[in-house]
Structure formats: structure tokens, C-alpha cells
Amino acid sequence: MDDARRDTNEPSEEQLAARLRDVREPPRAWVDAAKELPAMRAELDGIVARAEADAAYREQVLGDLEEALRAEGREPSPNLVAALRARLED
């Protein structure tokens, strides 16, 4: 093992492996939500890009964020609506 690494009091690979074995599996809902993130971000990117290119669409989206998300096939949760609002206000 590298002496510089030992001097920083970092755990060894064996210690890390032991700690990782003790980590419990995440809840299934967390895993499912994480899998959906790339598609959700792409859909938000699409809405934002169209809103930047089309002022009328932007006004429509800002007037009803929930409906804009439904039109993309997304259920408008409070977090998703807030994320879209923040992206449009940037």
C-alpha cells in the first residue's frame, strides 16, 4: 500500500470492503425513482427548450405548469412542478 495513503488515515481496501458489506440495500422506491431521473430530466429539458424558442408556449407553460407536465406524460408532483418552475425562471 502507498505510504502517502496511510499517512492520511484513510481506511484500507479491506476495511472499506467490510463497511460496504454492512450497507443495507436501498428501498425499492429509491431505486425506481433513480432509474426515472434521466427520462424526467430529458422531458424537462424538452419543455424548457421549447419555452425558450417559443414565447407563446412559454406563457402557456408558465400559466399551467401541471398541465405542461401532464402533456409530457408526467404526473405533476410538487417537486417536479418546482423543478420545472426553477428551470424556467433561470
PDB file of N, CA and C in Angstrom:
ATOM      1  N   MET A   1       0.842  -1.180   0.000  1.00  0.00           N
ATOM      2  CA  MET A   1       0.000   0.000   0.000  1.00  0.00           C
ATOM      3  C   MET A   1       0.881   1.234   0.000  1.00  0.00           C
ATOM      4  N   ASP A   2       0.441   2.269  -0.633  1.00  0.00           N
ATOM      5  CA  ASP A   2       1.154   3.526  -0.749  1.00  0.00           C
ATOM      6  C   ASP A   2       1.270   4.212   0.619  1.00  0.00           C
ATOM      7  N   ASP A   3       2.497   4.641   0.987  1.00  0.00           N
ATOM      8  CA  ASP A   3       2.708   5.294   2.285  1.00  0.00           C
ATOM      9  C   ASP A   3       1.934   6.594   2.408  1.00  0.00           C
ATOM     10  N   ALA A   4       1.784   7.332   1.316  1.00  0.00           N
ATOM     11  CA  ALA A   4       1.042   8.596   1.371  1.00  0.00           C
ATOM     12  C   ALA A   4      -0.403   8.350   1.780  1.00  0.00           C
ATOM     13  N   ARG A   5      -0.949   7.246   1.338  1.00  0.00           N
ATOM     14  CA  ARG A   5      -2.336   6.932   1.688  1.00  0.00           C
ATOM     15  C   ARG A   5      -2.453   6.589   3.168  1.00  0.00           C
ATOM     16  N   ARG A   6      -1.493   5.880   3.689  1.00  0.00           N
ATOM     17  CA  ARG A   6      -1.512   5.526   5.109  1.00  0.00           C
ATOM     18  C   ARG A   6      -1.421   6.758   5.992  1.00  0.00           C
ATOM     19  N   ASP A   7      -0.674   7.750   5.544  1.00  0.00           N
ATOM     20  CA  ASP A   7      -0.496   8.958   6.347  1.00  0.00           C
ATOM     21  C   ASP A   7      -1.779   9.761   6.485  1.00  0.00           C
ATOM     22  N   THR A   8      -2.722   9.576   5.622  1.00  0.00           N
ATOM     23  CA  THR A   8      -3.970  10.350   5.686  1.00  0.00           C
ATOM     24  C   THR A   8      -5.028   9.673   6.547  1.00  0.00           C
ATOM     25  N   ASN A   9      -4.687   8.543   7.137  1.00  0.00           N
ATOM     26  CA  ASN A   9      -5.622   7.794   7.992  1.00  0.00           C
ATOM     27  C   ASN A   9      -6.861   7.316   7.240  1.00  0.00           C
ATOM     28  N   GLU A  10      -6.725   7.112   5.944  1.00  0.00           N
ATOM     29  CA  GLU A  10      -7.834   6.570   5.168  1.00  0.00           C
ATOM     30  C   GLU A  10      -7.932   5.075   5.439  1.00  0.00           C
ATOM     31  N   PRO A  11      -9.133   4.532   5.383  1.00  0.00           N
ATOM     32  CA  PRO A  11      -9.281   3.089   5.613  1.00  0.00           C
ATOM     33  C   PRO A  11      -8.647   2.288   4.474  1.00  0.00           C
ATOM     34  N   SER A  12      -8.223   1.096   4.803  1.00  0.00           N
ATOM     35  CA  SER A  12      -7.652   0.207   3.790  1.00  0.00           C
ATOM     36  C   SER A  12      -8.775  -0.339   2.908  1.00  0.00           C
ATOM     37  N   GLU A  13      -8.385  -0.982   1.819  1.00  0.00           N
ATOM     38  CA  GLU A  13      -9.382  -1.591   0.940  1.00  0.00           C
ATOM     39  C   GLU A  13     -10.185  -2.647   1.681  1.00  0.00           C
ATOM     40  N   GLU A  14      -9.522  -3.382   2.542  1.00  0.00           N
ATOM     41  CA  GLU A  14     -10.213  -4.414   3.313  1.00  0.00           C
ATOM     42  C   GLU A  14     -11.243  -3.792   4.260  1.00  0.00           C
ATOM     43  N   GLN A  15     -10.860  -2.685   4.886  1.00  0.00           N
ATOM     44  CA  GLN A  15     -11.795  -2.004   5.787  1.00  0.00           C
ATOM     45  C   GLN A  15     -12.987  -1.442   5.011  1.00  0.00           C
ATOM     46  N   LEU A  16     -12.708  -0.874   3.841  1.00  0.00           N
ATOM     47  CA  LEU A  16     -13.804  -0.366   3.008  1.00  0.00           C
ATOM     48  C   LEU A  16     -14.731  -1.491   2.587  1.00  0.00           C
ATOM     49  N   ALA A  17     -14.151  -2.616   2.187  1.00  0.00           N
ATOM     50  CA  ALA A  17     -14.967  -3.761   1.772  1.00  0.00           C
ATOM     51  C   ALA A  17     -15.851  -4.228   2.922  1.00  0.00           C
ATOM     52  N   ALA A  18     -15.297  -4.267   4.118  1.00  0.00           N
ATOM     53  CA  ALA A  18     -16.084  -4.687   5.283  1.00  0.00           C
ATOM     54  C   ALA A  18     -17.228  -3.713   5.547  1.00  0.00           C
ATOM     55  N   ARG A  19     -16.951  -2.441   5.401  1.00  0.00           N
ATOM     56  CA  ARG A  19     -18.007  -1.438   5.614  1.00  0.00           C
ATOM     57  C   ARG A  19     -19.096  -1.544   4.550  1.00  0.00           C
ATOM     58  N   LEU A  20     -18.684  -1.767   3.307  1.00  0.00           N
ATOM     59  CA  LEU A  20     -19.668  -1.888   2.225  1.00  0.00           C
ATOM     60  C   LEU A  20     -20.565  -3.110   2.411  1.00  0.00           C
ATOM     61  N   ARG A  21     -20.015  -4.181   2.961  1.00  0.00           N
ATOM     62  CA  ARG A  21     -20.838  -5.367   3.214  1.00  0.00           C
ATOM     63  C   ARG A  21     -21.934  -5.069   4.235  1.00  0.00           C
ATOM     64  N   ASP A  22     -21.683  -4.115   5.109  1.00  0.00           N
ATOM     65  CA  ASP A  22     -22.655  -3.770   6.151  1.00  0.00           C
ATOM     66  C   ASP A  22     -23.745  -2.810   5.673  1.00  0.00           C
ATOM     67  N   VAL A  23     -23.561  -2.214   4.502  1.00  0.00           N
ATOM     68  CA  VAL A  23     -24.545  -1.260   3.981  1.00  0.00           C
ATOM     69  C   VAL A  23     -25.777  -2.025   3.524  1.00  0.00           C
ATOM     70  N   ARG A  24     -26.914  -1.582   4.008  1.00  0.00           N
ATOM     71  CA  ARG A  24     -28.159  -2.260   3.623  1.00  0.00           C
ATOM     72  C   ARG A  24     -28.597  -1.815   2.232  1.00  0.00           C
ATOM     73  N   GLU A  25     -29.362  -2.669   1.603  1.00  0.00           N
ATOM     74  CA  GLU A  25     -29.894  -2.382   0.276  1.00  0.00           C
ATOM     75  C   GLU A  25     -30.870  -1.210   0.369  1.00  0.00           C
ATOM     76  N   PRO A  26     -30.839  -0.293  -0.611  1.00  0.00           N
ATOM     77  CA  PRO A  26     -31.767   0.843  -0.552  1.00  0.00           C
ATOM     78  C   PRO A  26     -33.204   0.381  -0.799  1.00  0.00           C
ATOM     79  N   PRO A  27     -34.162   1.149  -0.329  1.00  0.00           N
ATOM     80  CA  PRO A  27     -35.565   0.800  -0.596  1.00  0.00           C
ATOM     81  C   PRO A  27     -35.831   0.762  -2.103  1.00  0.00           C
ATOM     82  N   ARG A  28     -36.688  -0.146  -2.505  1.00  0.00           N
ATOM     83  CA  ARG A  28     -37.002  -0.324  -3.934  1.00  0.00           C
ATOM     84  C   ARG A  28     -37.516   0.971  -4.561  1.00  0.00           C
ATOM     85  N   ALA A  29     -38.291   1.743  -3.822  1.00  0.00           N
ATOM     86  CA  ALA A  29     -38.824   3.004  -4.355  1.00  0.00           C
ATOM     87  C   ALA A  29     -37.694   3.968  -4.713  1.00  0.00           C
ATOM     88  N   TRP A  30     -36.626   3.981  -3.929  1.00  0.00           N
ATOM     89  CA  TRP A  30     -35.481   4.847  -4.230  1.00  0.00           C
ATOM     90  C   TRP A  30     -34.816   4.415  -5.532  1.00  0.00           C
ATOM     91  N   VAL A  31     -34.662   3.121  -5.696  1.00  0.00           N
ATOM     92  CA  VAL A  31     -34.031   2.593  -6.904  1.00  0.00           C
ATOM     93  C   VAL A  31     -34.886   2.932  -8.126  1.00  0.00           C
ATOM     94  N   ASP A  32     -36.190   2.719  -8.020  1.00  0.00           N
ATOM     95  CA  ASP A  32     -37.091   3.021  -9.134  1.00  0.00           C
ATOM     96  C   ASP A  32     -37.064   4.507  -9.474  1.00  0.00           C
ATOM     97  N   ALA A  33     -37.078   5.361  -8.455  1.00  0.00           N
ATOM     98  CA  ALA A  33     -37.047   6.810  -8.686  1.00  0.00           C
ATOM     99  C   ALA A  33     -35.742   7.219  -9.364  1.00  0.00           C
ATOM    100  N   ALA A  34     -34.645   6.630  -8.948  1.00  0.00           N
ATOM    101  CA  ALA A  34     -33.351   6.955  -9.551  1.00  0.00           C
ATOM    102  C   ALA A  34     -33.309   6.549 -11.022  1.00  0.00           C
ATOM    103  N   LYS A  35     -33.947   5.447 -11.353  1.00  0.00           N
ATOM    104  CA  LYS A  35     -33.984   4.994 -12.748  1.00  0.00           C
ATOM    105  C   LYS A  35     -34.783   5.946 -13.624  1.00  0.00           C
ATOM    106  N   GLU A  36     -35.760   6.632 -13.048  1.00  0.00           N
ATOM    107  CA  GLU A  36     -36.603   7.550 -13.812  1.00  0.00           C
ATOM    108  C   GLU A  36     -35.960   8.917 -14.022  1.00  0.00           C
ATOM    109  N   LEU A  37     -34.949   9.252 -13.250  1.00  0.00           N
ATOM    110  CA  LEU A  37     -34.359  10.590 -13.320  1.00  0.00           C
ATOM    111  C   LEU A  37     -33.879  11.000 -14.712  1.00  0.00           C
ATOM    112  N   PRO A  38     -33.139  10.165 -15.444  1.00  0.00           N
ATOM    113  CA  PRO A  38     -32.682  10.610 -16.767  1.00  0.00           C
ATOM    114  C   PRO A  38     -33.833  10.962 -17.713  1.00  0.00           C
ATOM    115  N   ALA A  39     -34.875  10.162 -17.735  1.00  0.00           N
ATOM    116  CA  ALA A  39     -36.015  10.446 -18.613  1.00  0.00           C
ATOM    117  C   ALA A  39     -36.728  11.718 -18.172  1.00  0.00           C
ATOM    118  N   MET A  40     -36.892  11.892 -16.860  1.00  0.00           N
ATOM    119  CA  MET A  40     -37.555  13.086 -16.353  1.00  0.00           C
ATOM    120  C   MET A  40     -36.759  14.338 -16.711  1.00  0.00           C
ATOM    121  N   ARG A  41     -35.447  14.270 -16.550  1.00  0.00           N
ATOM    122  CA  ARG A  41     -34.609  15.425 -16.893  1.00  0.00           C
ATOM    123  C   ARG A  41     -34.705  15.738 -18.383  1.00  0.00           C
ATOM    124  N   ALA A  42     -34.729  14.712 -19.209  1.00  0.00           N
ATOM    125  CA  ALA A  42     -34.847  14.923 -20.652  1.00  0.00           C
ATOM    126  C   ALA A  42     -36.178  15.583 -20.996  1.00  0.00           C
ATOM    127  N   GLU A  43     -37.245  15.166 -20.331  1.00  0.00           N
ATOM    128  CA  GLU A  43     -38.550  15.778 -20.577  1.00  0.00           C
ATOM    129  C   GLU A  43     -38.554  17.242 -20.136  1.00  0.00           C
ATOM    130  N   LEU A  44     -37.977  17.531 -18.976  1.00  0.00           N
ATOM    131  CA  LEU A  44     -37.876  18.925 -18.533  1.00  0.00           C
ATOM    132  C   LEU A  44     -37.027  19.734 -19.506  1.00  0.00           C
ATOM    133  N   ASP A  45     -35.921  19.150 -19.977  1.00  0.00           N
ATOM    134  CA  ASP A  45     -35.076  19.832 -20.959  1.00  0.00           C
ATOM    135  C   ASP A  45     -35.878  20.182 -22.207  1.00  0.00           C
ATOM    136  N   GLY A  46     -36.721  19.251 -22.649  1.00  0.00           N
ATOM    137  CA  GLY A  46     -37.541  19.496 -23.833  1.00  0.00           C
ATOM    138  C   GLY A  46     -38.532  20.621 -23.627  1.00  0.00           C
ATOM    139  N   ILE A  47     -39.197  20.637 -22.490  1.00  0.00           N
ATOM    140  CA  ILE A  47     -40.150  21.708 -22.188  1.00  0.00           C
ATOM    141  C   ILE A  47     -39.423  23.046 -22.143  1.00  0.00           C
ATOM    142  N   VAL A  48     -38.289  23.086 -21.455  1.00  0.00           N
ATOM    143  CA  VAL A  48     -37.536  24.338 -21.316  1.00  0.00           C
ATOM    144  C   VAL A  48     -37.025  24.812 -22.674  1.00  0.00           C
ATOM    145  N   ALA A  49     -36.512  23.903 -23.490  1.00  0.00           N
ATOM    146  CA  ALA A  49     -36.007  24.284 -24.815  1.00  0.00           C
ATOM    147  C   ALA A  49     -37.126  24.860 -25.677  1.00  0.00           C
ATOM    148  N   ARG A  50     -38.286  24.214 -25.662  1.00  0.00           N
ATOM    149  CA  ARG A  50     -39.418  24.745 -26.441  1.00  0.00           C
ATOM    150  C   ARG A  50     -39.868  26.088 -25.896  1.00  0.00           C
ATOM    151  N   ALA A  51     -39.861  26.237 -24.572  1.00  0.00           N
ATOM    152  CA  ALA A  51     -40.271  27.502 -23.957  1.00  0.00           C
ATOM    153  C   ALA A  51     -39.293  28.625 -24.293  1.00  0.00           C
ATOM    154  N   GLU A  52     -38.020  28.299 -24.414  1.00  0.00           N
ATOM    155  CA  GLU A  52     -37.026  29.307 -24.784  1.00  0.00           C
ATOM    156  C   GLU A  52     -37.162  29.717 -26.246  1.00  0.00           C
ATOM    157  N   ALA A  53     -37.611  28.806 -27.085  1.00  0.00           N
ATOM    158  CA  ALA A  53     -37.727  29.074 -28.517  1.00  0.00           C
ATOM    159  C   ALA A  53     -39.062  29.690 -28.907  1.00  0.00           C
ATOM    160  N   ASP A  54     -40.085  29.528 -28.073  1.00  0.00           N
ATOM    161  CA  ASP A  54     -41.444  29.946 -28.432  1.00  0.00           C
ATOM    162  C   ASP A  54     -42.071  30.688 -27.255  1.00  0.00           C
ATOM    163  N   ALA A  55     -42.182  32.009 -27.386  1.00  0.00           N
ATOM    164  CA  ALA A  55     -42.699  32.844 -26.292  1.00  0.00           C
ATOM    165  C   ALA A  55     -44.139  32.482 -25.932  1.00  0.00           C
ATOM    166  N   ALA A  56     -44.953  32.152 -26.928  1.00  0.00           N
ATOM    167  CA  ALA A  56     -46.349  31.799 -26.653  1.00  0.00           C
ATOM    168  C   ALA A  56     -46.415  30.494 -25.846  1.00  0.00           C
ATOM    169  N   TYR A  57     -45.597  29.526 -26.230  1.00  0.00           N
ATOM    170  CA  TYR A  57     -45.550  28.264 -25.480  1.00  0.00           C
ATOM    171  C   TYR A  57     -45.066  28.514 -24.058  1.00  0.00           C
ATOM    172  N   ARG A  58     -44.083  29.384 -23.912  1.00  0.00           N
ATOM    173  CA  ARG A  58     -43.556  29.704 -22.586  1.00  0.00           C
ATOM    174  C   ARG A  58     -44.661  30.269 -21.696  1.00  0.00           C
ATOM    175  N   GLU A  59     -45.446  31.191 -22.220  1.00  0.00           N
ATOM    176  CA  GLU A  59     -46.553  31.766 -21.447  1.00  0.00           C
ATOM    177  C   GLU A  59     -47.571  30.693 -21.078  1.00  0.00           C
ATOM    178  N   GLN A  60     -47.843  29.799 -22.016  1.00  0.00           N
ATOM    179  CA  GLN A  60     -48.780  28.701 -21.761  1.00  0.00           C
ATOM    180  C   GLN A  60     -48.259  27.799 -20.639  1.00  0.00           C
ATOM    181  N   VAL A  61     -46.989  27.444 -20.710  1.00  0.00           N
ATOM    182  CA  VAL A  61     -46.393  26.577 -19.691  1.00  0.00           C
ATOM    183  C   VAL A  61     -46.392  27.275 -18.339  1.00  0.00           C
ATOM    184  N   LEU A  62     -45.957  28.526 -18.304  1.00  0.00           N
ATOM    185  CA  LEU A  62     -45.921  29.262 -17.040  1.00  0.00           C
ATOM    186  C   LEU A  62     -47.318  29.443 -16.460  1.00  0.00           C
ATOM    187  N   GLY A  63     -48.317  29.503 -17.325  1.00  0.00           N
ATOM    188  CA  GLY A  63     -49.696  29.638 -16.871  1.00  0.00           C
ATOM    189  C   GLY A  63     -50.242  28.372 -16.236  1.00  0.00           C
ATOM    190  N   ASP A  64     -49.717  27.221 -16.635  1.00  0.00           N
ATOM    191  CA  ASP A  64     -50.199  25.951 -16.082  1.00  0.00           C
ATOM    192  C   ASP A  64     -49.084  24.907 -16.167  1.00  0.00           C
ATOM    193  N   LEU A  65     -48.192  24.972 -15.199  1.00  0.00           N
ATOM    194  CA  LEU A  65     -47.057  24.047 -15.176  1.00  0.00           C
ATOM    195  C   LEU A  65     -47.509  22.597 -15.080  1.00  0.00           C
ATOM    196  N   GLU A  66     -48.546  22.362 -14.288  1.00  0.00           N
ATOM    197  CA  GLU A  66     -49.036  20.999 -14.112  1.00  0.00           C
ATOM    198  C   GLU A  66     -49.503  20.401 -15.434  1.00  0.00           C
ATOM    199  N   GLU A  67     -50.232  21.186 -16.208  1.00  0.00           N
ATOM    200  CA  GLU A  67     -50.733  20.692 -17.493  1.00  0.00           C
ATOM    201  C   GLU A  67     -49.589  20.449 -18.473  1.00  0.00           C
ATOM    202  N   ALA A  68     -48.570  21.290 -18.436  1.00  0.00           N
ATOM    203  CA  ALA A  68     -47.408  21.086 -19.304  1.00  0.00           C
ATOM    204  C   ALA A  68     -46.743  19.746 -18.993  1.00  0.00           C
ATOM    205  N   LEU A  69     -46.665  19.416 -17.716  1.00  0.00           N
ATOM    206  CA  LEU A  69     -46.075  18.130 -17.333  1.00  0.00           C
ATOM    207  C   LEU A  69     -46.974  16.967 -17.737  1.00  0.00           C
ATOM    208  N   ARG A  70     -48.272  17.121 -17.554  1.00  0.00           N
ATOM    209  CA  ARG A  70     -49.200  16.059 -17.973  1.00  0.00           C
ATOM    210  C   ARG A  70     -49.099  15.811 -19.473  1.00  0.00           C
ATOM    211  N   ALA A  71     -48.941  16.881 -20.249  1.00  0.00           N
ATOM    212  CA  ALA A  71     -48.819  16.748 -21.704  1.00  0.00           C
ATOM    213  C   ALA A  71     -47.584  15.937 -22.086  1.00  0.00           C
ATOM    214  N   GLU A  72     -46.586  15.916 -21.205  1.00  0.00           N
ATOM    215  CA  GLU A  72     -45.378  15.112 -21.429  1.00  0.00           C
ATOM    216  C   GLU A  72     -45.500  13.712 -20.835  1.00  0.00           C
ATOM    217  N   GLY A  73     -46.667  13.411 -20.248  1.00  0.00           N
ATOM    218  CA  GLY A  73     -46.875  12.090 -19.675  1.00  0.00           C
ATOM    219  C   GLY A  73     -46.384  11.945 -18.251  1.00  0.00           C
ATOM    220  N   ARG A  74     -46.160  13.055 -17.577  1.00  0.00           N
ATOM    221  CA  ARG A  74     -45.673  13.040 -16.193  1.00  0.00           C
ATOM    222  C   ARG A  74     -46.763  13.489 -15.242  1.00  0.00           C
ATOM    223  N   GLU A  75     -46.895  12.795 -14.132  1.00  0.00           N
ATOM    224  CA  GLU A  75     -47.799  13.235 -13.071  1.00  0.00           C
ATOM    225  C   GLU A  75     -47.114  14.397 -12.355  1.00  0.00           C
ATOM    226  N   PRO A  76     -47.772  15.543 -12.269  1.00  0.00           N
ATOM    227  CA  PRO A  76     -47.123  16.742 -11.725  1.00  0.00           C
ATOM    228  C   PRO A  76     -47.023  16.756 -10.199  1.00  0.00           C
ATOM    229  N   SER A  77     -46.005  16.115  -9.668  1.00  0.00           N
ATOM    230  CA  SER A  77     -45.764  16.150  -8.224  1.00  0.00           C
ATOM    231  C   SER A  77     -45.265  17.543  -7.834  1.00  0.00           C
ATOM    232  N   PRO A  78     -45.408  17.918  -6.574  1.00  0.00           N
ATOM    233  CA  PRO A  78     -44.911  19.234  -6.144  1.00  0.00           C
ATOM    234  C   PRO A  78     -43.424  19.439  -6.452  1.00  0.00           C
ATOM    235  N   ASN A  79     -42.616  18.410  -6.273  1.00  0.00           N
ATOM    236  CA  ASN A  79     -41.180  18.536  -6.558  1.00  0.00           C
ATOM    237  C   ASN A  79     -40.911  18.739  -8.041  1.00  0.00           C
ATOM    238  N   LEU A  80     -41.642  18.037  -8.876  1.00  0.00           N
ATOM    239  CA  LEU A  80     -41.449  18.156 -10.318  1.00  0.00           C
ATOM    240  C   LEU A  80     -41.902  19.524 -10.812  1.00  0.00           C
ATOM    241  N   VAL A  81     -43.019  20.010 -10.299  1.00  0.00           N
ATOM    242  CA  VAL A  81     -43.504  21.346 -10.664  1.00  0.00           C
ATOM    243  C   VAL A  81     -42.480  22.397 -10.240  1.00  0.00           C
ATOM    244  N   ALA A  82     -41.950  22.263  -9.029  1.00  0.00           N
ATOM    245  CA  ALA A  82     -40.947  23.217  -8.539  1.00  0.00           C
ATOM    246  C   ALA A  82     -39.686  23.177  -9.397  1.00  0.00           C
ATOM    247  N   ALA A  83     -39.278  21.986  -9.818  1.00  0.00           N
ATOM    248  CA  ALA A  83     -38.087  21.859 -10.664  1.00  0.00           C
ATOM    249  C   ALA A  83     -38.306  22.537 -12.008  1.00  0.00           C
ATOM    250  N   LEU A  84     -39.474  22.349 -12.597  1.00  0.00           N
ATOM    251  CA  LEU A  84     -39.774  22.993 -13.875  1.00  0.00           C
ATOM    252  C   LEU A  84     -39.826  24.505 -13.714  1.00  0.00           C
ATOM    253  N   ARG A  85     -40.484  24.966 -12.670  1.00  0.00           N
ATOM    254  CA  ARG A  85     -40.566  26.410 -12.423  1.00  0.00           C
ATOM    255  C   ARG A  85     -39.163  27.009 -12.286  1.00  0.00           C
ATOM    256  N   ALA A  86     -38.314  26.358 -11.521  1.00  0.00           N
ATOM    257  CA  ALA A  86     -36.950  26.856 -11.321  1.00  0.00           C
ATOM    258  C   ALA A  86     -36.177  26.895 -12.635  1.00  0.00           C
ATOM    259  N   ARG A  87     -36.350  25.869 -13.454  1.00  0.00           N
ATOM    260  CA  ARG A  87     -35.644  25.830 -14.745  1.00  0.00           C
ATOM    261  C   ARG A  87     -36.115  26.939 -15.667  1.00  0.00           C
ATOM    262  N   LEU A  88     -37.404  27.258 -15.624  1.00  0.00           N
ATOM    263  CA  LEU A  88     -37.940  28.303 -16.495  1.00  0.00           C
ATOM    264  C   LEU A  88     -37.587  29.699 -16.004  1.00  0.00           C
ATOM    265  N   GLU A  89     -37.345  29.836 -14.713  1.00  0.00           N
ATOM    266  CA  GLU A  89     -37.019  31.148 -14.158  1.00  0.00           C
ATOM    267  C   GLU A  89     -35.544  31.485 -14.294  1.00  0.00           C
ATOM    268  N   ASP A  90     -34.712  30.509 -14.634  1.00  0.00           N
ATOM    269  CA  ASP A  90     -33.269  30.774 -14.786  1.00  0.00           C
ATOM    270  C   ASP A  90     -32.986  31.654 -15.971  1.00  0.00           C
TER     271      ASP A  90
END
